[in-house]
Amino acid sequence: MKKKIAKVIVETLESYGVKNCYGISGDTLNLITNEIHKSTIRWVHTRHEEVAAFAAGAEALFTGNLTVCAGSCGPESLHLINGVHESHRNGAPIIVLASQLTTNRLYSVFPQQVDFTEVYKGCSVFCEQINRP
């Protein structure tokens, strides 16, 4: 049986020693959060996405360990930008999981679509959207 991409992502994060993932779960992030709850990674629910990004950056900066923040599609992932920019400026090792609409809903009438590669490329070492695993 093939592995789901969410499981592959979480297993990869575990293999790199990620201990915490900060964020707010949402529809387009549920498969990832479900896999995180089955893993050794701790899901840290925050009250706002911006807090998630700053918390991930602070942990990464003070421990030197890779840390993750995550946001659901649309405005939720956009709210991560200030913390991501600060982490980039400080050299804090974080991974941002900015989930997107399903491929069949991209470029349609859904208002939640955002070009995250364009938004995050200025404050990232690497930024890529995965459309098909």
C-alpha atoms as a PDB file:
ATOM      1  CA  MET A   1       0.000   0.000   0.000  1.00  0.00           C
ATOM      2  CA  LYS A   2       1.243   3.481  -0.873  1.00  0.00           C
ATOM      3  CA  LYS A   3       1.965   5.945   1.911  1.00  0.00           C
ATOM      4  CA  LYS A   4      -0.012   9.148   2.064  1.00  0.00           C
ATOM      5  CA  ILE A   5       2.015  12.314   1.538  1.00  0.00           C
ATOM      6  CA  ALA A   6       1.022  13.593   5.009  1.00  0.00           C
ATOM      7  CA  LYS A   7       2.619  10.515   6.575  1.00  0.00           C
ATOM      8  CA  VAL A   8       5.777  10.931   4.471  1.00  0.00           C
ATOM      9  CA  ILE A   9       6.057  14.594   5.501  1.00  0.00           C
ATOM     10  CA  VAL A  10       5.649  13.834   9.204  1.00  0.00           C
ATOM     11  CA  GLU A  11       8.061  10.877   9.099  1.00  0.00           C
ATOM     12  CA  THR A  12      10.614  13.107   7.364  1.00  0.00           C
ATOM     13  CA  LEU A  13      10.193  15.816  10.004  1.00  0.00           C
ATOM     14  CA  GLU A  14      10.659  13.188  12.732  1.00  0.00           C
ATOM     15  CA  SER A  15      13.821  11.898  11.048  1.00  0.00           C
ATOM     16  CA  TYR A  16      15.266  15.427  11.216  1.00  0.00           C
ATOM     17  CA  GLY A  17      14.574  15.610  14.937  1.00  0.00           C
ATOM     18  CA  VAL A  18      11.589  17.956  14.918  1.00  0.00           C
ATOM     19  CA  LYS A  19      10.029  17.979  18.393  1.00  0.00           C
ATOM     20  CA  ASN A  20       7.248  20.571  18.042  1.00  0.00           C
ATOM     21  CA  CYS A  21       4.910  21.921  15.395  1.00  0.00           C
ATOM     22  CA  TYR A  22       3.094  25.161  16.225  1.00  0.00           C
ATOM     23  CA  GLY A  23      -0.136  26.180  14.538  1.00  0.00           C
ATOM     24  CA  ILE A  24      -3.879  26.081  14.205  1.00  0.00           C
ATOM     25  CA  SER A  25      -5.416  23.124  12.426  1.00  0.00           C
ATOM     26  CA  GLY A  26      -7.899  23.657   9.629  1.00  0.00           C
ATOM     27  CA  ASP A  27      -9.551  21.749   6.799  1.00  0.00           C
ATOM     28  CA  THR A  28      -6.594  21.771   4.420  1.00  0.00           C
ATOM     29  CA  LEU A  29      -4.171  20.887   7.215  1.00  0.00           C
ATOM     30  CA  ASN A  30      -6.140  18.079   8.878  1.00  0.00           C
ATOM     31  CA  LEU A  31      -4.302  15.188   7.202  1.00  0.00           C
ATOM     32  CA  ILE A  32      -0.972  16.572   8.437  1.00  0.00           C
ATOM     33  CA  THR A  33      -2.222  17.242  11.977  1.00  0.00           C
ATOM     34  CA  ASN A  34      -3.722  13.754  12.160  1.00  0.00           C
ATOM     35  CA  GLU A  35      -0.320  12.257  11.284  1.00  0.00           C
ATOM     36  CA  ILE A  36       1.440  14.549  13.757  1.00  0.00           C
ATOM     37  CA  HIS A  37      -0.825  13.271  16.547  1.00  0.00           C
ATOM     38  CA  LYS A  38       0.265   9.699  15.691  1.00  0.00           C
ATOM     39  CA  SER A  39       3.951  10.656  15.761  1.00  0.00           C
ATOM     40  CA  THR A  40       6.520  11.736  18.341  1.00  0.00           C
ATOM     41  CA  ILE A  41       6.105  15.363  17.250  1.00  0.00           C
ATOM     42  CA  ARG A  42       4.059  17.474  19.639  1.00  0.00           C
ATOM     43  CA  TRP A  43       1.312  19.627  18.113  1.00  0.00           C
ATOM     44  CA  VAL A  44       1.238  22.971  19.944  1.00  0.00           C
ATOM     45  CA  HIS A  45      -2.042  24.734  19.292  1.00  0.00           C
ATOM     46  CA  THR A  46      -1.750  28.518  19.296  1.00  0.00           C
ATOM     47  CA  ARG A  47      -4.448  31.170  19.374  1.00  0.00           C
ATOM     48  CA  HIS A  48      -3.157  32.889  16.242  1.00  0.00           C
ATOM     49  CA  GLU A  49      -0.958  31.797  13.337  1.00  0.00           C
ATOM     50  CA  GLU A  50       1.442  34.696  13.861  1.00  0.00           C
ATOM     51  CA  VAL A  51       2.110  33.368  17.368  1.00  0.00           C
ATOM     52  CA  ALA A  52       2.818  29.937  15.860  1.00  0.00           C
ATOM     53  CA  ALA A  53       5.502  31.344  13.571  1.00  0.00           C
ATOM     54  CA  PHE A  54       7.123  33.418  16.316  1.00  0.00           C
ATOM     55  CA  ALA A  55       7.043  30.449  18.732  1.00  0.00           C
ATOM     56  CA  ALA A  56       8.646  28.135  16.171  1.00  0.00           C
ATOM     57  CA  GLY A  57      11.284  30.751  15.447  1.00  0.00           C
ATOM     58  CA  ALA A  58      12.024  31.334  19.126  1.00  0.00           C
ATOM     59  CA  GLU A  59      12.389  27.623  19.840  1.00  0.00           C
ATOM     60  CA  ALA A  60      14.635  27.156  16.809  1.00  0.00           C
ATOM     61  CA  LEU A  61      16.747  30.183  17.691  1.00  0.00           C
ATOM     62  CA  PHE A  62      17.269  29.221  21.330  1.00  0.00           C
ATOM     63  CA  THR A  63      17.747  25.473  20.850  1.00  0.00           C
ATOM     64  CA  GLY A  64      19.322  25.379  17.391  1.00  0.00           C
ATOM     65  CA  ASN A  65      16.871  22.615  16.514  1.00  0.00           C
ATOM     66  CA  LEU A  66      14.675  22.514  13.436  1.00  0.00           C
ATOM     67  CA  THR A  67      11.119  23.512  14.343  1.00  0.00           C
ATOM     68  CA  VAL A  68       7.878  23.709  12.351  1.00  0.00           C
ATOM     69  CA  CYS A  69       4.942  26.082  12.129  1.00  0.00           C
ATOM     70  CA  ALA A  70       1.827  25.374  10.101  1.00  0.00           C
ATOM     71  CA  GLY A  71      -1.192  27.182   8.761  1.00  0.00           C
ATOM     72  CA  SER A  72      -4.242  26.206   6.797  1.00  0.00           C
ATOM     73  CA  CYS A  73      -5.055  27.697   3.394  1.00  0.00           C
ATOM     74  CA  GLY A  74      -5.618  31.362   2.682  1.00  0.00           C
ATOM     75  CA  PRO A  75      -5.354  33.962   5.437  1.00  0.00           C
ATOM     76  CA  GLU A  76      -4.234  31.466   8.073  1.00  0.00           C
ATOM     77  CA  SER A  77      -0.941  30.789   6.313  1.00  0.00           C
ATOM     78  CA  LEU A  78      -0.582  34.458   5.420  1.00  0.00           C
ATOM     79  CA  HIS A  79      -0.616  35.272   9.137  1.00  0.00           C
ATOM     80  CA  LEU A  80       2.643  33.319   9.520  1.00  0.00           C
ATOM     81  CA  ILE A  81       4.632  35.841   7.463  1.00  0.00           C
ATOM     82  CA  ASN A  82       5.903  38.154  10.242  1.00  0.00           C
ATOM     83  CA  GLY A  83       7.298  35.308  12.323  1.00  0.00           C
ATOM     84  CA  VAL A  84       8.769  33.621   9.260  1.00  0.00           C
ATOM     85  CA  HIS A  85      10.456  36.856   8.213  1.00  0.00           C
ATOM     86  CA  GLU A  86      11.908  37.294  11.713  1.00  0.00           C
ATOM     87  CA  SER A  87      13.195  33.701  11.738  1.00  0.00           C
ATOM     88  CA  HIS A  88      14.826  34.196   8.353  1.00  0.00           C
ATOM     89  CA  ARG A  89      16.448  37.420   9.538  1.00  0.00           C
ATOM     90  CA  ASN A  90      17.771  35.684  12.674  1.00  0.00           C
ATOM     91  CA  GLY A  91      18.856  32.494  10.914  1.00  0.00           C
ATOM     92  CA  ALA A  92      16.480  30.343  12.974  1.00  0.00           C
ATOM     93  CA  PRO A  93      15.942  26.938  11.323  1.00  0.00           C
ATOM     94  CA  ILE A  94      12.203  26.566  10.769  1.00  0.00           C
ATOM     95  CA  ILE A  95       9.991  24.807   8.258  1.00  0.00           C
ATOM     96  CA  VAL A  96       6.701  26.407   7.283  1.00  0.00           C
ATOM     97  CA  LEU A  97       3.837  24.150   6.254  1.00  0.00           C
ATOM     98  CA  ALA A  98       1.427  26.453   4.442  1.00  0.00           C
ATOM     99  CA  SER A  99      -1.351  24.228   3.192  1.00  0.00           C
ATOM    100  CA  GLN A 100      -3.196  24.987  -0.013  1.00  0.00           C
ATOM    101  CA  LEU A 101      -6.514  24.173  -1.617  1.00  0.00           C
ATOM    102  CA  THR A 102      -6.745  20.825  -3.358  1.00  0.00           C
ATOM    103  CA  THR A 103      -5.451  20.931  -6.919  1.00  0.00           C
ATOM    104  CA  ASN A 104      -8.934  20.648  -8.431  1.00  0.00           C
ATOM    105  CA  ARG A 105      -9.980  23.811  -6.558  1.00  0.00           C
ATOM    106  CA  LEU A 106      -6.966  25.936  -7.481  1.00  0.00           C
ATOM    107  CA  TYR A 107      -7.653  28.817  -9.855  1.00  0.00           C
ATOM    108  CA  SER A 108     -11.400  28.555  -9.301  1.00  0.00           C
ATOM    109  CA  VAL A 109     -13.899  30.672  -7.390  1.00  0.00           C
ATOM    110  CA  PHE A 110     -12.506  29.826  -3.940  1.00  0.00           C
ATOM    111  CA  PRO A 111     -11.245  32.982  -2.214  1.00  0.00           C
ATOM    112  CA  GLN A 112      -8.766  31.080  -0.014  1.00  0.00           C
ATOM    113  CA  GLN A 113      -6.193  30.643  -2.788  1.00  0.00           C
ATOM    114  CA  VAL A 114      -2.892  32.438  -2.246  1.00  0.00           C
ATOM    115  CA  ASP A 115       0.372  32.092  -4.173  1.00  0.00           C
ATOM    116  CA  PHE A 116       2.484  31.208  -1.139  1.00  0.00           C
ATOM    117  CA  THR A 117       5.679  30.747  -3.160  1.00  0.00           C
ATOM    118  CA  GLU A 118       5.462  34.389  -4.165  1.00  0.00           C
ATOM    119  CA  VAL A 119       4.637  35.495  -0.614  1.00  0.00           C
ATOM    120  CA  TYR A 120       7.392  33.534   1.150  1.00  0.00           C
ATOM    121  CA  LYS A 121      10.245  33.533  -1.371  1.00  0.00           C
ATOM    122  CA  GLY A 122      11.761  36.731   0.047  1.00  0.00           C
ATOM    123  CA  CYS A 123      12.093  35.281   3.545  1.00  0.00           C
ATOM    124  CA  SER A 124      12.979  31.673   2.748  1.00  0.00           C
ATOM    125  CA  VAL A 125      16.046  29.674   1.911  1.00  0.00           C
ATOM    126  CA  PHE A 126      13.841  27.310  -0.103  1.00  0.00           C
ATOM    127  CA  CYS A 127      10.186  27.726  -1.028  1.00  0.00           C
ATOM    128  CA  GLU A 128       8.223  25.331  -3.205  1.00  0.00           C
ATOM    129  CA  GLN A 129       4.605  24.301  -3.683  1.00  0.00           C
ATOM    130  CA  ILE A 130       3.970  20.575  -4.022  1.00  0.00           C
ATOM    131  CA  ASN A 131       1.042  19.972  -6.361  1.00  0.00           C
ATOM    132  CA  ARG A 132       1.505  16.285  -6.947  1.00  0.00           C
ATOM    133  CA  PRO A 133       3.763  14.082  -4.803  1.00  0.00           C
END
